[in-house]
Protein backbone atom coordinates (compact mmCIF):
# COMPACT_ATOMS: atom_id res chain seq x y z
CA MET A 1 -4.77 16.41 -34.29
CA LYS A 2 -1.92 13.93 -34.73
CA LEU A 3 0.62 13.50 -32.04
CA ASN A 4 3.85 11.50 -31.93
CA LYS A 5 4.57 8.93 -29.28
CA ARG A 6 6.86 11.25 -27.26
CA THR A 7 4.25 13.93 -27.31
CA VAL A 8 1.58 11.56 -26.22
CA ALA A 9 3.78 10.10 -23.33
CA ALA A 10 4.43 13.79 -22.07
CA PHE A 11 0.76 14.44 -22.39
CA LEU A 12 0.05 11.49 -20.24
CA ILE A 13 2.67 12.44 -17.55
CA CYS A 14 1.82 16.11 -17.66
CA GLY A 15 -1.91 15.33 -17.11
CA VAL A 16 -1.06 13.42 -13.99
CA MET A 17 1.38 16.07 -12.74
CA ALA A 18 -1.18 18.77 -13.47
CA MET A 19 -3.91 17.09 -11.52
CA SER A 20 -1.66 16.48 -8.56
CA ALA A 21 -0.50 20.19 -8.75
CA CYS A 22 -4.06 21.43 -8.59
CA SER A 23 -4.89 19.92 -5.34
CA GLY A 24 -6.90 22.47 -3.45
CA ASN A 25 -9.98 22.65 -1.18
CA GLY A 26 -12.07 24.06 -4.13
CA GLY A 27 -14.06 26.01 -1.40
CA LYS A 28 -17.12 27.83 -3.00
CA SER A 29 -18.27 31.17 -2.16
CA ALA A 30 -21.94 32.18 -2.18
CA ALA A 31 -21.33 33.78 -5.63
CA GLU A 32 -19.73 30.60 -6.96
CA GLN A 33 -22.57 28.46 -5.66
CA ASN A 34 -24.96 30.69 -7.36
CA VAL A 35 -23.20 30.49 -10.60
CA ASN A 36 -23.04 26.68 -10.35
CA GLN A 37 -26.66 26.50 -9.43
CA LYS A 38 -27.64 28.67 -12.37
CA ALA A 39 -25.54 26.75 -14.63
CA THR A 40 -27.08 23.38 -13.73
CA GLN A 41 -30.67 24.88 -14.03
CA ASN A 42 -30.07 25.68 -17.78
CA VAL A 43 -28.51 22.36 -18.77
CA PRO A 44 -29.67 20.94 -22.15
CA GLU A 45 -31.09 17.57 -22.09
CA GLU A 46 -28.35 16.27 -24.38
CA ALA A 47 -25.45 17.30 -22.06
CA MET A 48 -23.09 14.63 -21.14
CA THR A 49 -20.67 14.02 -18.34
CA PRO A 50 -16.98 13.19 -18.92
CA ARG A 51 -17.67 9.57 -17.68
CA ARG A 52 -20.38 9.07 -20.28
CA ILE A 53 -18.08 10.50 -23.00
CA VAL A 54 -15.40 8.02 -22.01
CA ASN A 55 -17.82 5.14 -21.73
CA ASP A 56 -19.33 5.77 -25.11
CA GLY A 57 -16.18 7.36 -26.66
CA GLU A 58 -15.86 5.03 -29.70
CA ALA A 59 -19.60 5.66 -30.79
CA LEU A 60 -19.23 9.45 -30.09
CA LEU A 61 -16.08 9.88 -31.92
CA ASP A 62 -16.10 12.86 -34.37
CA LYS A 63 -19.54 13.81 -33.26
CA GLU A 64 -20.71 17.19 -31.95
CA ILE A 65 -21.86 16.93 -28.26
CA VAL A 66 -22.46 19.01 -25.21
CA VAL A 67 -20.19 18.26 -22.21
CA MET A 68 -20.96 19.52 -18.72
CA GLY A 69 -18.53 19.51 -15.88
CA LYS A 70 -17.00 21.56 -13.11
CA VAL A 71 -13.60 23.02 -14.10
CA LYS A 72 -10.86 21.31 -12.26
CA HIS A 73 -7.96 22.93 -13.82
CA VAL A 74 -7.25 25.60 -16.49
CA CYS A 75 -3.85 25.70 -18.39
CA MET A 76 -2.14 28.70 -16.77
CA ARG A 77 0.34 29.24 -19.52
CA SER A 78 -2.04 29.60 -22.48
CA GLY A 79 -5.40 29.00 -21.32
CA LYS A 80 -5.99 26.82 -24.39
CA LYS A 81 -7.25 23.94 -22.39
CA CYS A 82 -9.16 22.92 -19.31
CA PHE A 83 -10.04 19.94 -17.44
CA LEU A 84 -13.65 19.05 -16.66
CA GLN A 85 -14.89 16.84 -13.89
CA ALA A 86 -18.45 15.59 -13.38
CA GLU A 87 -19.82 16.76 -9.97
CA ASP A 88 -20.59 13.13 -8.98
CA ASP A 89 -17.40 11.57 -10.25
CA THR A 90 -14.18 12.84 -8.86
CA THR A 91 -12.07 10.04 -10.39
CA LEU A 92 -12.17 11.19 -13.97
CA THR A 93 -11.37 14.51 -15.73
CA MET A 94 -11.71 15.26 -19.42
CA GLN A 95 -9.53 17.70 -21.43
CA VAL A 96 -11.28 20.28 -23.42
CA PHE A 97 -9.28 22.20 -25.99
CA ALA A 98 -10.05 25.82 -27.09
CA GLY A 99 -11.34 26.10 -30.72
CA GLY A 100 -14.19 27.52 -32.74
CA GLU A 101 -15.69 30.49 -30.83
CA ILE A 102 -13.42 29.68 -27.76
CA ASP A 103 -10.13 31.49 -27.87
CA THR A 104 -9.11 30.58 -24.28
CA PHE A 105 -10.49 29.35 -20.83
CA PRO A 106 -10.26 32.21 -18.34
CA ARG A 107 -8.86 31.24 -15.02
CA GLU A 108 -12.10 32.52 -13.43
CA LEU A 109 -13.74 29.31 -14.45
CA MET A 110 -11.90 27.34 -11.95
CA TYR A 111 -14.27 25.29 -9.75
CA LYS A 112 -17.33 26.38 -11.70
CA GLN A 113 -19.82 24.45 -13.81
CA LEU A 114 -19.20 24.71 -17.60
CA LEU A 115 -21.22 23.73 -20.49
CA VAL A 116 -19.25 23.41 -23.75
CA LYS A 117 -20.31 22.37 -27.31
CA GLY A 118 -17.57 20.63 -29.08
CA VAL A 119 -16.39 17.53 -31.02
CA VAL A 120 -15.18 14.21 -29.43
CA LYS A 121 -11.72 13.26 -30.41
CA VAL A 122 -9.18 10.51 -29.37
CA ASN A 123 -5.58 10.24 -28.74
CA LYS A 124 -4.45 6.61 -29.03
CA ILE A 125 -1.57 5.91 -26.74
CA SER A 126 0.27 3.04 -28.12
CA LYS A 127 1.36 -0.08 -26.03
CA GLU A 128 4.97 0.85 -26.84
CA SER A 129 4.61 4.34 -25.27
CA ILE A 130 2.78 2.98 -22.29
CA LEU A 131 5.51 0.42 -21.47
CA LYS A 132 8.18 3.13 -22.17
CA SER A 133 6.42 5.54 -19.65
CA GLU A 134 6.29 2.51 -17.03
CA GLN A 135 10.02 1.80 -17.56
CA ASN A 136 10.84 5.55 -17.14
CA ALA A 137 8.84 5.60 -13.87
CA LEU A 138 10.78 2.63 -12.51
CA GLU A 139 14.07 4.09 -13.48
CA LYS A 140 13.30 7.36 -11.76
CA MET A 141 11.77 5.61 -8.63
CA PRO A 142 14.11 6.88 -5.67
CA THR A 143 15.18 4.17 -3.14
CA ASP A 144 15.88 6.73 -0.47
CA THR A 145 12.69 8.46 0.68
CA SER A 146 14.29 10.37 3.51
CA THR A 147 13.75 13.79 1.70
CA GLN A 148 10.56 15.57 0.85
CA GLU A 149 11.69 15.78 -2.87
CA ASN A 150 12.38 12.14 -3.12
CA CYS A 151 8.77 11.40 -1.44
CA MET A 152 7.28 13.58 -4.05
CA ILE A 153 9.06 11.86 -7.01
CA MET A 154 8.06 8.52 -5.65
CA GLU A 155 4.47 9.66 -5.38
CA ARG A 156 4.44 10.68 -9.13
CA CYS A 157 6.23 7.53 -10.19
CA HIS A 158 3.54 5.41 -8.31
CA SER A 159 0.86 7.48 -9.97
CA VAL A 160 2.33 6.76 -13.31
CA MET A 161 2.71 3.13 -12.48
CA ASN A 162 -0.91 2.82 -11.40
CA GLN A 163 -2.19 4.58 -14.68
CA THR A 164 -0.05 2.36 -16.82
CA ALA A 165 -1.35 -0.75 -15.06
CA GLN A 166 -5.00 0.46 -15.71
CA MET A 167 -4.03 1.16 -19.39
CA LYS A 168 -2.46 -2.26 -19.84
CA ALA A 169 -5.57 -4.01 -18.15
CA TYR A 170 -7.80 -2.00 -20.58
CA MET A 171 -5.72 -3.19 -23.65
CA GLU A 172 -5.82 -6.72 -22.51
CA LYS A 173 -9.55 -6.79 -21.75
CA HIS A 174 -10.36 -5.06 -25.20
CA ASN A 175 -7.56 -6.89 -27.11
CA THR A 176 -6.07 -3.77 -28.47
CA ASP A 177 -2.50 -2.39 -28.86
CA TYR A 178 -3.49 1.01 -27.75
CA TYR A 179 -5.23 2.88 -24.96
CA PRO A 180 -7.78 5.58 -26.08
CA VAL A 181 -7.82 9.05 -24.37
CA TYR A 182 -10.92 10.88 -25.32
CA TYR A 183 -11.03 14.74 -25.33
CA ILE A 184 -13.23 17.59 -26.63
CA GLU A 185 -12.32 19.95 -29.23
CA GLY A 186 -14.32 22.92 -27.88
CA ARG A 187 -16.38 24.96 -30.23
CA LYS A 188 -18.63 27.16 -28.08
CA PHE A 189 -19.46 28.14 -24.49
CA LEU A 190 -23.15 27.47 -23.62
CA ASN A 191 -23.12 29.32 -20.25
């Protein structure tokens, strides 16, 4: 899956917006707790969390793995992707795209544990795209925060600015001209 710079920048910004749009209490009913408990009881030993995939991404690239996490978001338009979050790590989500035996991710998966077999892939966001996203956020940053709309725009801009700062720090630390965003090409549901 090869993406141009504009698509990757939109991908990055949409990810930030999707995560902020999906805030909810995630309250679990007894049935959901039972499903989550059952899912974690049948976890294969080789199952990885999103954090482990990010940490070991380069070594896992193009390898088939099993990823486990709580579904934090399902794409409402097509259902062709979802975001997984480890139960013990609320700071990181990983995109899983439908493929193989997976046609779509049903909305009923929201806030439930999911086991997926898939292949680790990476989008490399160029330094140029990151700097452009940062500049766009700076240009859109409102100076007047007296309206709720401007406050929301400011929050999104600050979120983009924080992300770009982290990406630039990563590139400097690893002496690269890109930031890797690992994702999973889903092949099969395991639960």
